[in-house]
Amino acid sequence: MLEYDDLIDPSLLPRKGKYLRYYLLGIADREGSFYISIKKQDNAKFGWVIDPIFKVTQHRRNRIILELFKRVLNCGRIIEKSDQEDMLEFVVDNRRHLKEKIIPFFTRYKPIVKREEFLLFAKVVKALDEGKHKDAESLKDLITMLYNYSNDRRYSLEYILDEISFRQDRLLRDHKPGT
């Protein structure tokens, strides 16, 4: 594990890389989150965006763990957790990195506690990669699926679906030939 000797004494790490990956899996399964937000965004085509984010939180004194995530996964950044100056987060919100690095990692090293959360996360990232969010009906289906998983949201599902329909109707009206 000499590739990590600039971060940590290699004798403290497992001798095989896969064991380090299983160690990181365990931390992510406890201290990580496959978070999917639904955000109101006026400049978005339908007024709403779906924003998947993978993050792992640690106390500042354990920054080395977040550095190992960053190094092993070859993506992400480490930031201060908002309103908690003693806490840091390893964050990956780049959709390409989620698709090419995070999802393959957790497909190979499977979470146990966060299994359902990860499967939903992977499904949503795939749908976004396929452009499903660019079609009003598909966007509504995705948002409904997210609400069926957890309805602990700032806005009601009905409000969001009505707003998307309103924007869709307006787009159709504004783009009719001859108008």
Protein backbone atom coordinates (compact mmCIF):
# COMPACT_ATOMS: atom_id res chain seq x y z
CA MET A 1 0.00 0.00 0.00
CA LEU A 2 2.91 2.28 -0.72
CA GLU A 3 0.69 4.42 -2.97
CA TYR A 4 -0.82 5.85 0.23
CA ASP A 5 2.42 6.49 2.11
CA ASP A 6 2.05 10.25 1.64
CA LEU A 7 -1.28 10.02 3.57
CA ILE A 8 -0.70 7.36 6.20
CA ASP A 9 1.86 4.88 7.47
CA PRO A 10 1.35 1.93 5.06
CA SER A 11 1.74 -0.54 7.95
CA LEU A 12 -1.60 0.74 9.30
CA LEU A 13 -3.43 -0.28 6.14
CA PRO A 14 -4.50 -3.76 5.06
CA ARG A 15 -1.92 -5.49 2.87
CA LYS A 16 -4.38 -6.09 0.03
CA GLY A 17 -6.23 -3.31 -1.75
CA LYS A 18 -9.53 -5.15 -1.69
CA TYR A 19 -9.49 -5.16 2.11
CA LEU A 20 -9.03 -1.39 2.11
CA ARG A 21 -12.02 -1.14 -0.23
CA TYR A 22 -14.11 -3.30 2.11
CA TYR A 23 -13.02 -1.07 5.00
CA LEU A 24 -14.20 2.00 3.07
CA LEU A 25 -17.45 0.20 2.22
CA GLY A 26 -18.07 -0.35 5.93
CA ILE A 27 -17.52 3.32 6.69
CA ALA A 28 -19.78 4.38 3.83
CA ASP A 29 -22.45 1.92 4.95
CA ARG A 30 -22.48 3.63 8.36
CA GLU A 31 -21.36 7.22 7.80
CA GLY A 32 -22.21 7.68 4.12
CA SER A 33 -25.26 8.81 2.23
CA PHE A 34 -26.61 8.22 -1.26
CA TYR A 35 -28.64 11.41 -1.21
CA ILE A 36 -31.05 12.56 -3.90
CA SER A 37 -32.47 16.05 -3.62
CA ILE A 38 -35.33 17.52 -5.57
CA LYS A 39 -34.68 21.22 -6.01
CA LYS A 40 -36.82 24.05 -7.25
CA GLN A 41 -34.77 25.82 -9.91
CA ASP A 42 -36.44 28.55 -11.91
CA ASN A 43 -34.01 28.38 -14.84
CA ALA A 44 -34.56 24.62 -15.33
CA LYS A 45 -36.80 23.60 -18.24
CA PHE A 46 -39.58 22.32 -15.97
CA GLY A 47 -38.62 24.33 -12.87
CA TRP A 48 -37.24 21.34 -10.92
CA VAL A 49 -34.01 19.34 -10.89
CA ILE A 50 -33.02 16.02 -9.38
CA ASP A 51 -29.58 16.19 -7.81
CA PRO A 52 -27.85 12.95 -6.69
CA ILE A 53 -24.93 13.30 -4.27
CA PHE A 54 -22.75 10.70 -2.56
CA LYS A 55 -21.12 11.80 0.66
CA VAL A 56 -19.30 10.45 3.69
CA THR A 57 -19.05 12.49 6.89
CA GLN A 58 -16.24 12.30 9.44
CA HIS A 59 -14.92 14.38 12.30
CA ARG A 60 -12.07 16.66 11.27
CA ARG A 61 -9.56 14.49 13.18
CA ASN A 62 -10.44 11.58 10.84
CA ARG A 63 -9.74 13.47 7.63
CA ILE A 64 -7.40 10.68 6.55
CA ILE A 65 -10.41 8.43 5.98
CA LEU A 66 -11.92 10.96 3.60
CA GLU A 67 -8.56 11.34 1.87
CA LEU A 68 -8.51 7.57 1.37
CA PHE A 69 -11.99 7.71 -0.20
CA LYS A 70 -10.81 10.45 -2.51
CA ARG A 71 -7.68 8.55 -3.48
CA VAL A 72 -9.28 5.11 -3.89
CA LEU A 73 -12.29 6.41 -5.84
CA ASN A 74 -10.22 8.97 -7.75
CA CYS A 75 -12.91 11.64 -7.58
CA GLY A 76 -14.75 13.96 -5.23
CA ARG A 77 -13.71 16.69 -2.86
CA ILE A 78 -13.47 17.23 0.87
CA ILE A 79 -15.38 20.16 2.34
CA GLU A 80 -16.44 21.47 5.73
CA LYS A 81 -19.93 20.36 6.65
CA SER A 82 -22.17 23.40 6.76
CA ASP A 83 -22.91 24.63 10.27
CA GLN A 84 -20.59 22.01 11.83
CA GLU A 85 -17.02 23.28 11.80
CA ASP A 86 -15.62 20.08 13.36
CA MET A 87 -17.09 17.88 10.63
CA LEU A 88 -15.84 17.23 7.11
CA GLU A 89 -17.52 15.59 4.14
CA PHE A 90 -16.20 13.70 1.16
CA VAL A 91 -18.63 14.74 -1.58
CA VAL A 92 -19.19 13.45 -5.12
CA ASP A 93 -21.87 15.33 -7.04
CA ASN A 94 -20.43 15.17 -10.56
CA ARG A 95 -22.86 12.90 -12.39
CA ARG A 96 -20.16 11.37 -14.61
CA HIS A 97 -18.12 10.46 -11.52
CA LEU A 98 -21.21 9.02 -9.86
CA LYS A 99 -21.84 6.88 -12.93
CA GLU A 100 -18.24 5.85 -13.66
CA LYS A 101 -16.71 5.61 -10.17
CA ILE A 102 -19.22 5.56 -7.30
CA ILE A 103 -21.84 3.20 -8.74
CA PRO A 104 -19.30 0.62 -10.00
CA PHE A 105 -17.52 0.68 -6.63
CA PHE A 106 -20.70 0.03 -4.66
CA THR A 107 -21.93 -2.49 -7.22
CA ARG A 108 -18.77 -4.51 -6.57
CA TYR A 109 -18.50 -3.78 -2.83
CA LYS A 110 -22.15 -4.00 -1.88
CA PRO A 111 -23.62 -1.99 1.00
CA ILE A 112 -25.73 -3.89 3.49
CA VAL A 113 -27.35 -1.21 5.65
CA LYS A 114 -27.70 1.24 2.76
CA ARG A 115 -28.52 -1.36 0.09
CA GLU A 116 -31.98 -0.01 -0.83
CA GLU A 117 -30.75 3.57 -0.74
CA PHE A 118 -27.89 2.67 -3.11
CA LEU A 119 -30.13 0.75 -5.53
CA LEU A 120 -32.50 3.71 -5.79
CA PHE A 121 -29.54 6.07 -6.19
CA ALA A 122 -28.06 3.96 -9.02
CA LYS A 123 -31.46 3.79 -10.74
CA VAL A 124 -31.88 7.57 -10.58
CA VAL A 125 -28.34 8.29 -11.82
CA LYS A 126 -28.94 5.90 -14.74
CA ALA A 127 -32.27 7.59 -15.57
CA LEU A 128 -30.63 11.02 -15.50
CA ASP A 129 -27.80 9.74 -17.70
CA GLU A 130 -30.44 8.54 -20.17
CA GLY A 131 -31.98 12.03 -20.21
CA LYS A 132 -35.24 11.07 -18.50
CA HIS A 133 -35.28 14.40 -16.67
CA LYS A 134 -35.60 16.24 -20.01
CA ASP A 135 -39.09 14.88 -20.61
CA ALA A 136 -41.87 16.20 -18.34
CA GLU A 137 -43.67 12.86 -17.92
CA SER A 138 -40.45 10.96 -17.19
CA LEU A 139 -39.37 13.66 -14.75
CA LYS A 140 -42.72 13.35 -12.96
CA ASP A 141 -42.29 9.56 -12.83
CA LEU A 142 -38.81 9.93 -11.31
CA ILE A 143 -39.99 12.42 -8.71
CA THR A 144 -42.98 10.25 -7.84
CA MET A 145 -40.65 7.26 -7.41
CA LEU A 146 -38.48 9.33 -5.04
CA TYR A 147 -41.52 10.42 -3.04
CA ASN A 148 -42.69 6.80 -2.79
CA TYR A 149 -39.32 5.97 -1.23
CA SER A 150 -39.35 8.94 1.14
CA ASN A 151 -41.92 11.70 1.32
CA ASP A 152 -39.94 13.70 3.87
CA ARG A 153 -39.60 16.60 1.47
CA ARG A 154 -39.92 20.36 1.60
CA TYR A 155 -42.61 20.54 -1.10
CA SER A 156 -45.60 18.27 -1.58
CA LEU A 157 -45.55 15.86 -4.50
CA GLU A 158 -48.75 17.39 -5.88
CA TYR A 159 -47.23 20.87 -5.87
CA ILE A 160 -44.16 19.72 -7.81
CA LEU A 161 -46.16 17.69 -10.35
CA ASP A 162 -48.54 20.62 -10.90
CA GLU A 163 -45.60 22.99 -11.48
CA ILE A 164 -44.01 20.62 -13.99
CA SER A 165 -47.34 20.25 -15.83
CA PHE A 166 -47.79 24.03 -15.87
CA ARG A 167 -44.31 24.52 -17.36
CA GLN A 168 -44.90 21.71 -19.85
CA ASP A 169 -48.21 23.27 -20.99
CA ARG A 170 -46.57 26.67 -21.32
CA LEU A 171 -43.70 25.22 -23.38
CA LEU A 172 -46.14 23.44 -25.68
CA ARG A 173 -48.26 26.58 -26.06
CA ASP A 174 -45.23 28.80 -26.76
CA HIS A 175 -43.79 26.43 -29.36
CA LYS A 176 -46.88 25.78 -31.49
CA PRO A 177 -46.24 26.41 -35.19
CA GLY A 178 -47.68 29.67 -36.43
CA THR A 179 -47.90 31.36 -32.99
